[in-house]
Amino acid sequence: MNELLTIYEVGPRDGLQNQPTLVSGRDKTALIGKLVAAGLGHIEATSFVSPRAVPQMADAPDVLAAAMNNHSEVRFSALVVNPRGYHRARAAGAQSIAVVAVLSETLAGKNNRMSAQDSVAMAADLAGRAHREGVACRVYLAPAWVCPYHGAVPQPTVLAAADRMWQAGVGQLALADTIGHAHPLEVGRLCEKVASRCDASRLAVHLHDTQALGLANAAAALSAGIRTVDASIGGLGGCPFAPGAAGNLATEDLVLMAEKMGFSTGVDLDSLWRAVDFAQALVGRDLGGRTAAWWRSHRRATPDSPYNTDVAGCGSLLRDH
């Protein structure tokens, strides 16, 4: 088959935003460098949100500037949640932004301090503004399946929001399983339904692995024609305003599954696992998705293999900060 699957890496933003220990801008930049070296070409580098609400993202302008200066061949996106964030991102040089349209009333209040209706309207306005200004724009519809406060999200609500974003000129729409409670049948059904109303190449899915269904949901999305899937290095991540939002689908798991299914990702697994090792040194705990035990066992079985990476190099970065 050898069809291309685009992996949209969210580790530097979604993966780190909720970590209790602050990661320095230098270390974030180094992590981004390792992700680029592994072959990831679409990376959500940071978010322009309130530093009081998300202290981990306070260095957004510096991180984005370093990423864009060091890796001009990569598309870096910055998340924004309101017009002020959009203005800050553009002032920092962002050429690609991601906006969240929150479809659940309680989550919109906690995440955006506004109603769900206003959140959708704001996202549409920012998508339209980006379109007029020649800025690439993705909009997350979140949650697209299950809300942590209200349960199942009605499909007509998602479809109406999707239609509004297309009309506004959004470049890409990402259906988000914000807390990882969706199952493959409903993921496939919604993806097919939205894809029937637009160009499927402009759709993506953002999946969490809370209930160990991340890979199954990704496979369902692929079967529905989706060819962009979000993932986070080592499975890092989780929305700070959504109870139960465990880590994202692990990038290394997605790459392995995609390659076994015959998709091309452009990602080198050896290099990707070096990035996992680096990330786990940054956060001070073991990382790795569902394939971690197998991968590490393979390393022990073949000590001279390139899988057996040395993470000592990142220790100096940690000690320096």
C-alpha atoms as a PDB file:
ATOM      1  CA  MET A   1       0.000   0.000   0.000  1.00  0.00           C
ATOM      2  CA  ASN A   2       2.681   2.506   1.102  1.00  0.00           C
ATOM      3  CA  GLU A   3       0.094   5.301   1.468  1.00  0.00           C
ATOM      4  CA  LEU A   4       1.255   8.251   3.535  1.00  0.00           C
ATOM      5  CA  LEU A   5      -0.018   8.690   7.070  1.00  0.00           C
ATOM      6  CA  THR A   6       0.757  12.130   8.486  1.00  0.00           C
ATOM      7  CA  ILE A   7       1.520  12.091  12.187  1.00  0.00           C
ATOM      8  CA  TYR A   8       0.783  15.368  13.919  1.00  0.00           C
ATOM      9  CA  GLU A   9       3.068  15.357  16.969  1.00  0.00           C
ATOM     10  CA  VAL A  10       1.638  17.126  20.033  1.00  0.00           C
ATOM     11  CA  GLY A  11       4.198  16.088  22.661  1.00  0.00           C
ATOM     12  CA  PRO A  12       5.938  19.458  23.133  1.00  0.00           C
ATOM     13  CA  ARG A  13       2.552  21.120  23.741  1.00  0.00           C
ATOM     14  CA  ASP A  14      -0.157  18.697  24.859  1.00  0.00           C
ATOM     15  CA  GLY A  15       2.422  16.290  26.229  1.00  0.00           C
ATOM     16  CA  LEU A  16       4.202  18.763  28.477  1.00  0.00           C
ATOM     17  CA  GLN A  17       1.474  21.267  29.389  1.00  0.00           C
ATOM     18  CA  ASN A  18       0.230  19.314  32.401  1.00  0.00           C
ATOM     19  CA  GLN A  19       3.549  18.074  33.774  1.00  0.00           C
ATOM     20  CA  PRO A  20       4.083  19.092  37.419  1.00  0.00           C
ATOM     21  CA  THR A  21       7.789  19.866  36.961  1.00  0.00           C
ATOM     22  CA  LEU A  22       8.615  22.832  34.755  1.00  0.00           C
ATOM     23  CA  VAL A  23      10.661  21.914  31.695  1.00  0.00           C
ATOM     24  CA  SER A  24      13.060  24.615  30.550  1.00  0.00           C
ATOM     25  CA  GLY A  25      12.831  26.204  27.152  1.00  0.00           C
ATOM     26  CA  ARG A  26      16.241  24.796  26.305  1.00  0.00           C
ATOM     27  CA  ASP A  27      15.087  21.262  27.050  1.00  0.00           C
ATOM     28  CA  LYS A  28      11.857  21.730  25.094  1.00  0.00           C
ATOM     29  CA  THR A  29      13.913  22.920  22.145  1.00  0.00           C
ATOM     30  CA  ALA A  30      16.180  19.875  22.463  1.00  0.00           C
ATOM     31  CA  LEU A  31      13.157  17.556  22.554  1.00  0.00           C
ATOM     32  CA  ILE A  32      11.750  19.187  19.431  1.00  0.00           C
ATOM     33  CA  GLY A  33      15.124  18.651  17.751  1.00  0.00           C
ATOM     34  CA  LYS A  34      14.997  14.929  18.517  1.00  0.00           C
ATOM     35  CA  LEU A  35      11.458  14.678  17.165  1.00  0.00           C
ATOM     36  CA  VAL A  36      12.547  16.374  13.946  1.00  0.00           C
ATOM     37  CA  ALA A  37      15.561  14.052  13.721  1.00  0.00           C
ATOM     38  CA  ALA A  38      13.161  11.100  13.948  1.00  0.00           C
ATOM     39  CA  GLY A  39      11.346  12.370  10.854  1.00  0.00           C
ATOM     40  CA  LEU A  40       8.287  14.116  12.308  1.00  0.00           C
ATOM     41  CA  GLY A  41       7.346  16.988  10.022  1.00  0.00           C
ATOM     42  CA  HIS A  42       4.213  18.376  11.720  1.00  0.00           C
ATOM     43  CA  ILE A  43       4.722  19.408  15.348  1.00  0.00           C
ATOM     44  CA  GLU A  44       2.543  21.413  17.707  1.00  0.00           C
ATOM     45  CA  ALA A  45       5.362  23.195  19.483  1.00  0.00           C
ATOM     46  CA  THR A  46       3.634  25.221  22.196  1.00  0.00           C
ATOM     47  CA  SER A  47       0.509  27.147  23.163  1.00  0.00           C
ATOM     48  CA  PHE A  48      -0.167  30.836  23.697  1.00  0.00           C
ATOM     49  CA  VAL A  49      -2.390  30.588  26.736  1.00  0.00           C
ATOM     50  CA  SER A  50      -2.426  32.305  30.115  1.00  0.00           C
ATOM     51  CA  PRO A  51       0.810  31.524  32.003  1.00  0.00           C
ATOM     52  CA  ARG A  52      -1.221  31.570  35.189  1.00  0.00           C
ATOM     53  CA  ALA A  53      -3.492  28.814  33.917  1.00  0.00           C
ATOM     54  CA  VAL A  54      -0.752  26.758  32.215  1.00  0.00           C
ATOM     55  CA  PRO A  55       2.676  27.780  33.624  1.00  0.00           C
ATOM     56  CA  GLN A  56       4.462  25.168  31.507  1.00  0.00           C
ATOM     57  CA  MET A  57       3.696  27.208  28.371  1.00  0.00           C
ATOM     58  CA  ALA A  58       4.918  30.588  29.672  1.00  0.00           C
ATOM     59  CA  ASP A  59       7.962  30.441  27.365  1.00  0.00           C
ATOM     60  CA  ALA A  60       5.887  29.965  24.202  1.00  0.00           C
ATOM     61  CA  PRO A  61       7.451  32.810  22.137  1.00  0.00           C
ATOM     62  CA  ASP A  62      11.005  31.610  22.787  1.00  0.00           C
ATOM     63  CA  VAL A  63      10.232  27.944  22.134  1.00  0.00           C
ATOM     64  CA  LEU A  64       8.401  28.684  18.879  1.00  0.00           C
ATOM     65  CA  ALA A  65      11.138  31.025  17.653  1.00  0.00           C
ATOM     66  CA  ALA A  66      13.870  28.485  18.387  1.00  0.00           C
ATOM     67  CA  ALA A  67      11.951  25.684  16.676  1.00  0.00           C
ATOM     68  CA  MET A  68      11.274  27.739  13.545  1.00  0.00           C
ATOM     69  CA  ASN A  69      14.846  29.042  13.367  1.00  0.00           C
ATOM     70  CA  ASN A  70      16.418  25.616  13.837  1.00  0.00           C
ATOM     71  CA  HIS A  71      14.122  23.584  11.593  1.00  0.00           C
ATOM     72  CA  SER A  72      12.738  25.620   8.717  1.00  0.00           C
ATOM     73  CA  GLU A  73      11.683  22.451   6.866  1.00  0.00           C
ATOM     74  CA  VAL A  74       9.116  21.507   9.544  1.00  0.00           C
ATOM     75  CA  ARG A  75       5.612  22.900  10.018  1.00  0.00           C
ATOM     76  CA  PHE A  76       5.288  24.087  13.606  1.00  0.00           C
ATOM     77  CA  SER A  77       1.883  24.999  15.000  1.00  0.00           C
ATOM     78  CA  ALA A  78       0.931  26.946  18.103  1.00  0.00           C
ATOM     79  CA  LEU A  79      -2.305  26.426  20.011  1.00  0.00           C
ATOM     80  CA  VAL A  80      -4.459  29.434  20.871  1.00  0.00           C
ATOM     81  CA  VAL A  81      -7.750  29.573  22.747  1.00  0.00           C
ATOM     82  CA  ASN A  82      -8.827  33.194  22.214  1.00  0.00           C
ATOM     83  CA  PRO A  83      -8.079  36.293  20.093  1.00  0.00           C
ATOM     84  CA  ARG A  84      -5.418  37.472  22.530  1.00  0.00           C
ATOM     85  CA  GLY A  85      -3.576  34.176  22.114  1.00  0.00           C
ATOM     86  CA  TYR A  86      -3.889  34.476  18.338  1.00  0.00           C
ATOM     87  CA  HIS A  87      -2.373  37.962  18.446  1.00  0.00           C
ATOM     88  CA  ARG A  88       0.520  36.762  20.652  1.00  0.00           C
ATOM     89  CA  ALA A  89       1.186  33.779  18.402  1.00  0.00           C
ATOM     90  CA  ARG A  90       1.241  35.918  15.274  1.00  0.00           C
ATOM     91  CA  ALA A  91       3.512  38.462  16.966  1.00  0.00           C
ATOM     92  CA  ALA A  92       5.885  35.586  17.739  1.00  0.00           C
ATOM     93  CA  GLY A  93       5.968  34.633  14.065  1.00  0.00           C
ATOM     94  CA  ALA A  94       3.522  31.714  13.997  1.00  0.00           C
ATOM     95  CA  GLN A  95       2.523  30.713  10.464  1.00  0.00           C
ATOM     96  CA  SER A  96       0.299  27.839  11.606  1.00  0.00           C
ATOM     97  CA  ILE A  97      -2.159  27.908  14.487  1.00  0.00           C
ATOM     98  CA  ALA A  98      -4.521  25.487  16.174  1.00  0.00           C
ATOM     99  CA  VAL A  99      -7.748  26.637  17.829  1.00  0.00           C
ATOM    100  CA  VAL A 100     -10.040  24.723  20.190  1.00  0.00           C
ATOM    101  CA  ALA A 101     -13.805  24.845  19.724  1.00  0.00           C
ATOM    102  CA  VAL A 102     -15.220  23.372  22.932  1.00  0.00           C
ATOM    103  CA  LEU A 103     -18.577  21.686  22.338  1.00  0.00           C
ATOM    104  CA  SER A 104     -19.438  20.840  25.960  1.00  0.00           C
ATOM    105  CA  GLU A 105     -20.963  23.561  28.138  1.00  0.00           C
ATOM    106  CA  THR A 106     -19.154  22.806  31.412  1.00  0.00           C
ATOM    107  CA  LEU A 107     -15.828  22.088  29.745  1.00  0.00           C
ATOM    108  CA  ALA A 108     -16.088  25.328  27.744  1.00  0.00           C
ATOM    109  CA  GLY A 109     -16.591  27.222  30.979  1.00  0.00           C
ATOM    110  CA  LYS A 110     -13.565  25.632  32.623  1.00  0.00           C
ATOM    111  CA  ASN A 111     -11.305  25.593  29.570  1.00  0.00           C
ATOM    112  CA  ASN A 112     -12.250  28.878  27.859  1.00  0.00           C
ATOM    113  CA  ARG A 113     -14.363  30.701  30.460  1.00  0.00           C
ATOM    114  CA  MET A 114     -17.225  31.043  27.999  1.00  0.00           C
ATOM    115  CA  SER A 115     -20.249  29.135  26.781  1.00  0.00           C
ATOM    116  CA  ALA A 116     -19.942  26.346  24.229  1.00  0.00           C
ATOM    117  CA  GLN A 117     -21.830  28.477  21.710  1.00  0.00           C
ATOM    118  CA  ASP A 118     -19.396  31.342  22.181  1.00  0.00           C
ATOM    119  CA  SER A 119     -16.428  28.968  21.972  1.00  0.00           C
ATOM    120  CA  VAL A 120     -17.568  27.664  18.593  1.00  0.00           C
ATOM    121  CA  ALA A 121     -18.238  31.197  17.342  1.00  0.00           C
ATOM    122  CA  MET A 122     -14.817  32.385  18.498  1.00  0.00           C
ATOM    123  CA  ALA A 123     -13.071  29.436  16.827  1.00  0.00           C
ATOM    124  CA  ALA A 124     -14.913  30.149  13.573  1.00  0.00           C
ATOM    125  CA  ASP A 125     -13.951  33.822  13.774  1.00  0.00           C
ATOM    126  CA  LEU A 126     -10.275  32.975  14.333  1.00  0.00           C
ATOM    127  CA  ALA A 127     -10.342  30.422  11.513  1.00  0.00           C
ATOM    128  CA  GLY A 128     -11.774  33.060   9.208  1.00  0.00           C
ATOM    129  CA  ARG A 129      -9.194  35.609  10.306  1.00  0.00           C
ATOM    130  CA  ALA A 130      -6.365  33.122   9.749  1.00  0.00           C
ATOM    131  CA  HIS A 131      -7.729  32.301   6.304  1.00  0.00           C
ATOM    132  CA  ARG A 132      -7.793  35.978   5.348  1.00  0.00           C
ATOM    133  CA  GLU A 133      -4.259  36.508   6.660  1.00  0.00           C
ATOM    134  CA  GLY A 134      -2.793  33.476   4.901  1.00  0.00           C
ATOM    135  CA  VAL A 135      -2.135  31.591   8.132  1.00  0.00           C
ATOM    136  CA  ALA A 136      -2.610  27.828   8.228  1.00  0.00           C
ATOM    137  CA  CYS A 137      -5.330  26.959  10.738  1.00  0.00           C
ATOM    138  CA  ARG A 138      -6.557  23.750  12.336  1.00  0.00           C
ATOM    139  CA  VAL A 139      -9.582  23.665  14.638  1.00  0.00           C
ATOM    140  CA  TYR A 140     -10.070  20.996  17.273  1.00  0.00           C
ATOM    141  CA  LEU A 141     -13.696  20.002  17.880  1.00  0.00           C
ATOM    142  CA  ALA A 142     -13.512  18.894  21.485  1.00  0.00           C
ATOM    143  CA  PRO A 143     -14.906  16.754  22.847  1.00  0.00           C
ATOM    144  CA  ALA A 144     -16.223  15.091  19.695  1.00  0.00           C
ATOM    145  CA  TRP A 145     -17.422  11.921  21.409  1.00  0.00           C
ATOM    146  CA  VAL A 146     -17.551  11.978  25.220  1.00  0.00           C
ATOM    147  CA  CYS A 147     -17.531  14.911  27.653  1.00  0.00           C
ATOM    148  CA  PRO A 148     -16.038  14.374  31.123  1.00  0.00           C
ATOM    149  CA  TYR A 149     -19.011  16.187  32.674  1.00  0.00           C
ATOM    150  CA  HIS A 150     -22.028  15.438  30.471  1.00  0.00           C
ATOM    151  CA  GLY A 151     -21.272  12.116  28.813  1.00  0.00           C
ATOM    152  CA  ALA A 152     -21.953  11.460  25.128  1.00  0.00           C
ATOM    153  CA  VAL A 153     -21.751  14.467  22.813  1.00  0.00           C
ATOM    154  CA  PRO A 154     -24.680  14.467  20.333  1.00  0.00           C
ATOM    155  CA  GLN A 155     -23.476  13.837  16.788  1.00  0.00           C
ATOM    156  CA  PRO A 156     -25.593  16.704  15.354  1.00  0.00           C
ATOM    157  CA  THR A 157     -23.686  19.091  17.649  1.00  0.00           C
ATOM    158  CA  VAL A 158     -20.378  17.951  16.169  1.00  0.00           C
ATOM    159  CA  LEU A 159     -21.632  18.078  12.597  1.00  0.00           C
ATOM    160  CA  ALA A 160     -23.064  21.570  13.001  1.00  0.00           C
ATOM    161  CA  ALA A 161     -19.769  22.827  14.430  1.00  0.00           C
ATOM    162  CA  ALA A 162     -17.835  21.112  11.622  1.00  0.00           C
ATOM    163  CA  ASP A 163     -20.009  22.777   8.974  1.00  0.00           C
ATOM    164  CA  ARG A 164     -19.450  26.150  10.576  1.00  0.00           C
ATOM    165  CA  MET A 165     -15.666  25.703  10.527  1.00  0.00           C
ATOM    166  CA  TRP A 166     -15.652  24.692   6.847  1.00  0.00           C
ATOM    167  CA  GLN A 167     -17.703  27.772   6.020  1.00  0.00           C
ATOM    168  CA  ALA A 168     -15.176  29.906   7.910  1.00  0.00           C
ATOM    169  CA  GLY A 169     -12.327  28.565   5.764  1.00  0.00           C
ATOM    170  CA  VAL A 170     -10.528  26.308   8.254  1.00  0.00           C
ATOM    171  CA  GLY A 171      -7.629  24.383   6.767  1.00  0.00           C
ATOM    172  CA  GLN A 172      -7.910  21.269   8.900  1.00  0.00           C
ATOM    173  CA  LEU A 173     -10.468  19.927  11.345  1.00  0.00           C
ATOM    174  CA  ALA A 174      -9.397  17.611  14.165  1.00  0.00           C
ATOM    175  CA  LEU A 175     -12.010  15.480  15.921  1.00  0.00           C
ATOM    176  CA  ALA A 176     -10.828  15.163  19.506  1.00  0.00           C
ATOM    177  CA  ASP A 177     -11.462  12.329  21.934  1.00  0.00           C
ATOM    178  CA  THR A 178     -10.565  14.632  24.794  1.00  0.00           C
ATOM    179  CA  ILE A 179     -10.660  12.076  27.625  1.00  0.00           C
ATOM    180  CA  GLY A 180     -10.122   8.875  25.668  1.00  0.00           C
ATOM    181  CA  HIS A 181     -13.584   7.366  26.232  1.00  0.00           C
ATOM    182  CA  ALA A 182     -14.633   6.835  22.608  1.00  0.00           C
ATOM    183  CA  HIS A 183     -14.735   3.349  21.097  1.00  0.00           C
ATOM    184  CA  PRO A 184     -13.777   2.274  17.556  1.00  0.00           C
ATOM    185  CA  LEU A 185     -17.301   1.883  16.155  1.00  0.00           C
ATOM    186  CA  GLU A 186     -18.341   5.411  17.077  1.00  0.00           C
ATOM    187  CA  VAL A 187     -14.981   6.828  15.983  1.00  0.00           C
ATOM    188  CA  GLY A 188     -15.407   5.217  12.572  1.00  0.00           C
ATOM    189  CA  ARG A 189     -19.020   6.354  12.233  1.00  0.00           C
ATOM    190  CA  LEU A 190     -18.321   9.991  13.062  1.00  0.00           C
ATOM    191  CA  CYS A 191     -15.232  10.140  10.852  1.00  0.00           C
ATOM    192  CA  GLU A 192     -17.229   8.752   7.923  1.00  0.00           C
ATOM    193  CA  LYS A 193     -20.083  11.174   8.564  1.00  0.00           C
ATOM    194  CA  VAL A 194     -17.847  14.260   8.696  1.00  0.00           C
ATOM    195  CA  ALA A 195     -15.763  13.065   5.733  1.00  0.00           C
ATOM    196  CA  SER A 196     -18.932  12.757   3.637  1.00  0.00           C
ATOM    197  CA  ARG A 197     -19.514  16.507   4.082  1.00  0.00           C
ATOM    198  CA  CYS A 198     -16.008  17.711   3.204  1.00  0.00           C
ATOM    199  CA  ASP A 199     -12.622  16.713   1.815  1.00  0.00           C
ATOM    200  CA  ALA A 200     -11.432  13.806   4.005  1.00  0.00           C
ATOM    201  CA  SER A 201      -7.816  14.880   3.454  1.00  0.00           C
ATOM    202  CA  ARG A 202      -8.549  17.902   5.649  1.00  0.00           C
ATOM    203  CA  LEU A 203      -9.656  15.788   8.614  1.00  0.00           C
ATOM    204  CA  ALA A 204      -7.626  14.535  11.559  1.00  0.00           C
ATOM    205  CA  VAL A 205      -8.269  12.720  14.827  1.00  0.00           C
ATOM    206  CA  HIS A 206      -6.823  13.555  18.225  1.00  0.00           C
ATOM    207  CA  LEU A 207      -6.910  10.481  20.464  1.00  0.00           C
ATOM    208  CA  HIS A 208      -6.172   9.674  24.085  1.00  0.00           C
ATOM    209  CA  ASP A 209      -5.376   6.222  25.424  1.00  0.00           C
ATOM    210  CA  THR A 210      -7.213   6.383  28.752  1.00  0.00           C
ATOM    211  CA  GLN A 211      -9.085   3.110  28.237  1.00  0.00           C
ATOM    212  CA  ALA A 212      -6.423   1.388  26.109  1.00  0.00           C
ATOM    213  CA  LEU A 213      -8.422   2.068  22.942  1.00  0.00           C
ATOM    214  CA  GLY A 214      -6.155   4.638  21.328  1.00  0.00           C
ATOM    215  CA  LEU A 215      -4.707   2.323  18.673  1.00  0.00           C
ATOM    216  CA  ALA A 216      -8.063   0.683  17.973  1.00  0.00           C
ATOM    217  CA  ASN A 217      -9.629   4.108  17.510  1.00  0.00           C
ATOM    218  CA  ALA A 218      -6.775   5.166  15.235  1.00  0.00           C
ATOM    219  CA  ALA A 219      -7.313   2.042  13.119  1.00  0.00           C
ATOM    220  CA  ALA A 220     -11.032   2.853  12.880  1.00  0.00           C
ATOM    221  CA  ALA A 221     -10.218   6.383  11.734  1.00  0.00           C
ATOM    222  CA  LEU A 222      -7.796   5.045   9.122  1.00  0.00           C
ATOM    223  CA  SER A 223     -10.479   2.672   7.838  1.00  0.00           C
ATOM    224  CA  ALA A 224     -12.796   5.677   7.495  1.00  0.00           C
ATOM    225  CA  GLY A 225     -10.263   7.429   5.274  1.00  0.00           C
ATOM    226  CA  ILE A 226      -8.547   9.713   7.790  1.00  0.00           C
ATOM    227  CA  ARG A 227      -4.875  10.203   6.985  1.00  0.00           C
ATOM    228  CA  THR A 228      -3.731  12.572   9.746  1.00  0.00           C
ATOM    229  CA  VAL A 229      -3.574  11.259  13.303  1.00  0.00           C
ATOM    230  CA  ASP A 230      -2.314  13.119  16.378  1.00  0.00           C
ATOM    231  CA  ALA A 231       0.080  11.446  18.787  1.00  0.00           C
ATOM    232  CA  SER A 232       2.436  12.359  21.609  1.00  0.00           C
ATOM    233  CA  ILE A 233       5.925  11.084  22.271  1.00  0.00           C
ATOM    234  CA  GLY A 234       5.919   8.432  24.996  1.00  0.00           C
ATOM    235  CA  GLY A 235       2.158   8.843  25.468  1.00  0.00           C
ATOM    236  CA  LEU A 236       2.645  12.116  27.347  1.00  0.00           C
ATOM    237  CA  GLY A 237      -0.313  14.405  27.805  1.00  0.00           C
ATOM    238  CA  GLY A 238      -3.766  15.122  29.125  1.00  0.00           C
ATOM    239  CA  CYS A 239      -6.033  18.154  29.308  1.00  0.00           C
ATOM    240  CA  PRO A 240      -5.579  19.987  32.638  1.00  0.00           C
ATOM    241  CA  PHE A 241      -9.264  21.008  32.618  1.00  0.00           C
ATOM    242  CA  ALA A 242     -10.760  17.594  31.795  1.00  0.00           C
ATOM    243  CA  PRO A 243     -10.837  15.045  34.641  1.00  0.00           C
ATOM    244  CA  GLY A 244      -9.706  11.625  33.486  1.00  0.00           C
ATOM    245  CA  ALA A 245      -7.853  12.859  30.418  1.00  0.00           C
ATOM    246  CA  ALA A 246      -4.898  10.498  30.561  1.00  0.00           C
ATOM    247  CA  GLY A 247      -2.012  10.499  28.126  1.00  0.00           C
ATOM    248  CA  ASN A 248      -2.340  10.806  24.382  1.00  0.00           C
ATOM    249  CA  LEU A 249      -1.925   7.999  21.926  1.00  0.00           C
ATOM    250  CA  ALA A 250       1.825   7.275  21.944  1.00  0.00           C
ATOM    251  CA  THR A 251       3.642   8.279  18.774  1.00  0.00           C
ATOM    252  CA  GLU A 252       5.808   5.173  18.822  1.00  0.00           C
ATOM    253  CA  ASP A 253       2.743   2.909  19.026  1.00  0.00           C
ATOM    254  CA  LEU A 254       1.072   4.697  16.120  1.00  0.00           C
ATOM    255  CA  VAL A 255       4.191   4.542  13.946  1.00  0.00           C
ATOM    256  CA  LEU A 256       4.652   0.827  14.577  1.00  0.00           C
ATOM    257  CA  MET A 257       1.007   0.026  13.830  1.00  0.00           C
ATOM    258  CA  ALA A 258       0.949   2.207  10.718  1.00  0.00           C
ATOM    259  CA  GLU A 259       4.101   0.652   9.297  1.00  0.00           C
ATOM    260  CA  LYS A 260       2.783  -2.872   9.978  1.00  0.00           C
ATOM    261  CA  MET A 261      -0.437  -1.918   8.171  1.00  0.00           C
ATOM    262  CA  GLY A 262       1.544  -0.784   5.135  1.00  0.00           C
ATOM    263  CA  PHE A 263       1.382   2.980   5.626  1.00  0.00           C
ATOM    264  CA  SER A 264       4.425   5.182   5.186  1.00  0.00           C
ATOM    265  CA  THR A 265       5.066   7.663   8.000  1.00  0.00           C
ATOM    266  CA  GLY A 266       8.548   8.956   7.250  1.00  0.00           C
ATOM    267  CA  VAL A 267       9.431   8.325  10.900  1.00  0.00           C
ATOM    268  CA  ASP A 268      12.432   6.280  12.012  1.00  0.00           C
ATOM    269  CA  LEU A 269      11.553   4.168  15.052  1.00  0.00           C
ATOM    270  CA  ASP A 270      15.136   3.927  16.319  1.00  0.00           C
ATOM    271  CA  SER A 271      15.424   7.699  16.452  1.00  0.00           C
ATOM    272  CA  LEU A 272      11.916   8.033  17.841  1.00  0.00           C
ATOM    273  CA  TRP A 273      12.765   5.832  20.812  1.00  0.00           C
ATOM    274  CA  ARG A 274      15.775   7.991  21.505  1.00  0.00           C
ATOM    275  CA  ALA A 275      13.325  10.876  21.765  1.00  0.00           C
ATOM    276  CA  VAL A 276      11.182   8.809  24.162  1.00  0.00           C
ATOM    277  CA  ASP A 277      14.217   8.204  26.367  1.00  0.00           C
ATOM    278  CA  PHE A 278      15.026  11.898  26.335  1.00  0.00           C
ATOM    279  CA  ALA A 279      11.462  12.875  27.193  1.00  0.00           C
ATOM    280  CA  GLN A 280      11.294  10.468  30.119  1.00  0.00           C
ATOM    281  CA  ALA A 281      14.515  11.927  31.500  1.00  0.00           C
ATOM    282  CA  LEU A 282      12.940  15.373  31.291  1.00  0.00           C
ATOM    283  CA  VAL A 283       9.821  14.422  33.245  1.00  0.00           C
ATOM    284  CA  GLY A 284      11.546  12.002  35.623  1.00  0.00           C
ATOM    285  CA  ARG A 285       9.404   8.911  35.061  1.00  0.00           C
ATOM    286  CA  ASP A 286       9.044   5.994  32.703  1.00  0.00           C
ATOM    287  CA  LEU A 287       7.335   6.722  29.400  1.00  0.00           C
ATOM    288  CA  GLY A 288       6.324   4.654  26.423  1.00  0.00           C
ATOM    289  CA  GLY A 289       3.077   3.399  25.005  1.00  0.00           C
ATOM    290  CA  ARG A 290       1.657  -0.095  24.676  1.00  0.00           C
ATOM    291  CA  THR A 291       4.716  -1.301  22.781  1.00  0.00           C
ATOM    292  CA  ALA A 292       7.248  -0.146  25.384  1.00  0.00           C
ATOM    293  CA  ALA A 293       7.709  -3.521  27.105  1.00  0.00           C
ATOM    294  CA  TRP A 294       8.302  -5.277  23.791  1.00  0.00           C
ATOM    295  CA  TRP A 295      10.691  -2.576  22.596  1.00  0.00           C
ATOM    296  CA  ARG A 296      12.775  -2.570  25.759  1.00  0.00           C
ATOM    297  CA  SER A 297      12.874  -6.352  25.802  1.00  0.00           C
ATOM    298  CA  HIS A 298      14.198  -6.236  22.250  1.00  0.00           C
ATOM    299  CA  ARG A 299      16.910  -3.844  23.367  1.00  0.00           C
ATOM    300  CA  ARG A 300      18.045  -6.175  26.152  1.00  0.00           C
ATOM    301  CA  ALA A 301      18.029  -9.125  23.772  1.00  0.00           C
ATOM    302  CA  THR A 302      20.227  -7.303  21.243  1.00  0.00           C
ATOM    303  CA  PRO A 303      22.603  -5.056  23.244  1.00  0.00           C
ATOM    304  CA  ASP A 304      24.564  -4.020  20.150  1.00  0.00           C
ATOM    305  CA  SER A 305      21.479  -2.944  18.252  1.00  0.00           C
ATOM    306  CA  PRO A 306      20.734   0.727  17.511  1.00  0.00           C
ATOM    307  CA  TYR A 307      17.587   0.284  19.631  1.00  0.00           C
ATOM    308  CA  ASN A 308      19.853   0.265  22.689  1.00  0.00           C
ATOM    309  CA  THR A 309      20.126   4.022  23.048  1.00  0.00           C
ATOM    310  CA  ASP A 310      22.146   6.008  25.528  1.00  0.00           C
ATOM    311  CA  VAL A 311      20.323   8.841  27.274  1.00  0.00           C
ATOM    312  CA  ALA A 312      23.315  10.132  29.223  1.00  0.00           C
ATOM    313  CA  GLY A 313      23.536  13.046  26.843  1.00  0.00           C
ATOM    314  CA  CYS A 314      20.374  14.641  28.180  1.00  0.00           C
ATOM    315  CA  GLY A 315      21.570  14.480  31.785  1.00  0.00           C
ATOM    316  CA  SER A 316      23.814  17.493  31.316  1.00  0.00           C
ATOM    317  CA  LEU A 317      20.860  19.509  30.064  1.00  0.00           C
ATOM    318  CA  LEU A 318      18.910  18.610  33.178  1.00  0.00           C
ATOM    319  CA  ARG A 319      21.779  19.444  35.515  1.00  0.00           C
ATOM    320  CA  ASP A 320      22.302  22.787  33.801  1.00  0.00           C
ATOM    321  CA  HIS A 321      18.792  23.854  34.822  1.00  0.00           C
END
